[in-house]
Amino acid sequence: MPPLPRVYYGVMGETHRKRQGEVLEKTRQKTEKPKLYKVLLHNDDYTTMEFVVVLLETVFNKSPAEAYGVMMNIHARGVGVAGVYPYDVAETKVAMTLKTAKDAGHPLRCSIEPE
């Protein structure tokens, strides 16, 4: 009866099956990049432009110039992309945005959309 193959674990999850010095199979785990989602801010007639700029700077870590550009896009087109993130991060950003807006008394709407 031939000896059973030995399993060796190498770097980064590589598995080698060996029998008397020869490699019989080699497997490697395949990783995927997470799907990304856009966080959208919607225009309304009550939320001030200044508040949206501050929100973009604090919650979405935008520079003042970038925040102003996104705010103008929201104002002109009715909706604008505040950022693109994996789902969990996007969901957290939406929750933070809605809480901040509600605490400040603004009816700002925010949503998530697949990229």
Protein backbone atom coordinates (compact mmCIF):
# COMPACT_ATOMS: atom_id res chain seq x y z
CA MET A 1 0.00 0.00 0.00
CA PRO A 2 1.50 3.40 -1.00
CA PRO A 3 2.00 6.02 1.72
CA LEU A 4 -0.72 8.66 2.16
CA PRO A 5 0.00 12.11 0.70
CA ARG A 6 1.19 14.72 3.16
CA VAL A 7 -0.33 18.19 3.15
CA TYR A 8 1.95 21.20 3.60
CA TYR A 9 0.68 24.71 4.13
CA GLY A 10 2.80 27.43 2.62
CA VAL A 11 2.52 31.18 2.29
CA MET A 12 -0.86 32.97 1.77
CA GLY A 13 -3.02 29.85 2.06
CA GLU A 14 -1.19 27.82 -0.57
CA THR A 15 -1.66 24.10 -0.14
CA HIS A 16 0.71 21.55 -1.59
CA ARG A 17 0.02 17.81 -1.63
CA LYS A 18 3.24 15.85 -1.86
CA ARG A 19 3.95 12.21 -2.34
CA GLN A 20 7.59 11.21 -2.20
CA GLY A 21 8.91 14.64 -3.16
CA GLU A 22 6.66 15.50 -6.14
CA VAL A 23 3.90 18.13 -6.08
CA LEU A 24 0.56 16.56 -6.96
CA GLU A 25 -1.66 19.62 -6.70
CA LYS A 26 -1.36 23.24 -5.73
CA THR A 27 -4.33 25.41 -4.73
CA ARG A 28 -4.54 29.06 -3.84
CA GLN A 29 -7.47 30.96 -2.36
CA LYS A 30 -8.91 33.52 -4.74
CA THR A 31 -9.96 36.86 -3.30
CA GLU A 32 -12.30 39.36 -4.91
CA LYS A 33 -12.51 43.09 -4.45
CA PRO A 34 -15.74 44.07 -2.69
CA LYS A 35 -18.56 45.52 -4.77
CA LEU A 36 -18.74 49.29 -4.47
CA TYR A 37 -21.75 51.49 -3.81
CA LYS A 38 -22.31 55.20 -4.45
CA VAL A 39 -23.57 57.36 -1.60
CA LEU A 40 -25.93 59.91 -3.13
CA LEU A 41 -27.09 63.20 -1.62
CA HIS A 42 -30.37 64.61 -2.92
CA ASN A 43 -31.21 68.28 -3.36
CA ASP A 44 -34.03 69.91 -1.40
CA ASP A 45 -35.24 73.47 -0.93
CA TYR A 46 -34.50 73.67 2.81
CA THR A 47 -30.99 72.33 3.50
CA THR A 48 -28.44 75.11 3.17
CA MET A 49 -25.51 74.87 0.79
CA GLU A 50 -23.13 75.67 3.65
CA PHE A 51 -24.44 72.74 5.69
CA VAL A 52 -23.94 70.35 2.75
CA VAL A 53 -20.35 71.56 2.29
CA VAL A 54 -19.59 71.07 5.99
CA LEU A 55 -21.23 67.63 5.89
CA LEU A 56 -19.11 66.60 2.89
CA GLU A 57 -15.96 67.82 4.62
CA THR A 58 -16.67 66.08 7.95
CA VAL A 59 -18.48 62.84 7.09
CA PHE A 60 -16.96 62.18 3.65
CA ASN A 61 -13.49 63.71 4.28
CA LYS A 62 -13.61 65.98 1.22
CA SER A 63 -11.39 69.01 0.80
CA PRO A 64 -13.23 72.36 0.86
CA ALA A 65 -12.87 72.78 -2.91
CA GLU A 66 -14.02 69.23 -3.63
CA ALA A 67 -16.95 69.57 -1.20
CA TYR A 68 -18.02 72.79 -2.90
CA GLY A 69 -17.90 71.11 -6.32
CA VAL A 70 -20.02 68.17 -5.15
CA MET A 71 -22.49 70.55 -3.48
CA MET A 72 -22.87 72.56 -6.70
CA ASN A 73 -23.41 69.33 -8.63
CA ILE A 74 -26.17 68.36 -6.17
CA HIS A 75 -27.71 71.82 -6.47
CA ALA A 76 -27.61 71.88 -10.29
CA ARG A 77 -28.58 68.27 -11.07
CA GLY A 78 -30.73 67.37 -8.08
CA VAL A 79 -28.45 64.57 -6.92
CA GLY A 80 -24.71 64.11 -6.48
CA VAL A 81 -22.22 61.43 -5.50
CA ALA A 82 -20.69 62.07 -2.09
CA GLY A 83 -18.43 59.01 -2.26
CA VAL A 84 -17.99 55.42 -3.41
CA TYR A 85 -17.45 52.73 -0.76
CA PRO A 86 -17.99 49.05 0.06
CA TYR A 87 -21.57 48.40 1.23
CA ASP A 88 -20.92 48.44 4.99
CA VAL A 89 -18.98 51.70 4.82
CA ALA A 90 -21.60 53.29 2.52
CA GLU A 91 -24.38 52.25 4.90
CA THR A 92 -22.50 53.79 7.84
CA LYS A 93 -21.90 57.05 5.92
CA VAL A 94 -25.63 57.29 5.10
CA ALA A 95 -26.57 56.73 8.75
CA MET A 96 -24.07 59.38 9.91
CA THR A 97 -25.31 61.83 7.26
CA LEU A 98 -28.98 61.37 8.13
CA LYS A 99 -28.32 61.68 11.89
CA THR A 100 -26.20 64.82 11.44
CA ALA A 101 -28.85 66.39 9.18
CA LYS A 102 -31.69 65.49 11.55
CA ASP A 103 -29.80 66.87 14.57
CA ALA A 104 -29.28 70.14 12.66
CA GLY A 105 -32.95 70.28 11.63
CA HIS A 106 -32.40 69.68 7.91
CA PRO A 107 -34.53 67.29 5.80
CA LEU A 108 -31.55 66.13 3.72
CA ARG A 109 -32.08 62.84 1.87
CA CYS A 110 -29.29 60.37 1.27
CA SER A 111 -29.29 56.98 -0.50
CA ILE A 112 -27.07 54.13 -1.70
CA GLU A 113 -26.83 52.87 -5.28
CA PRO A 114 -24.64 50.09 -6.75
CA GLU A 115 -21.80 51.41 -8.89
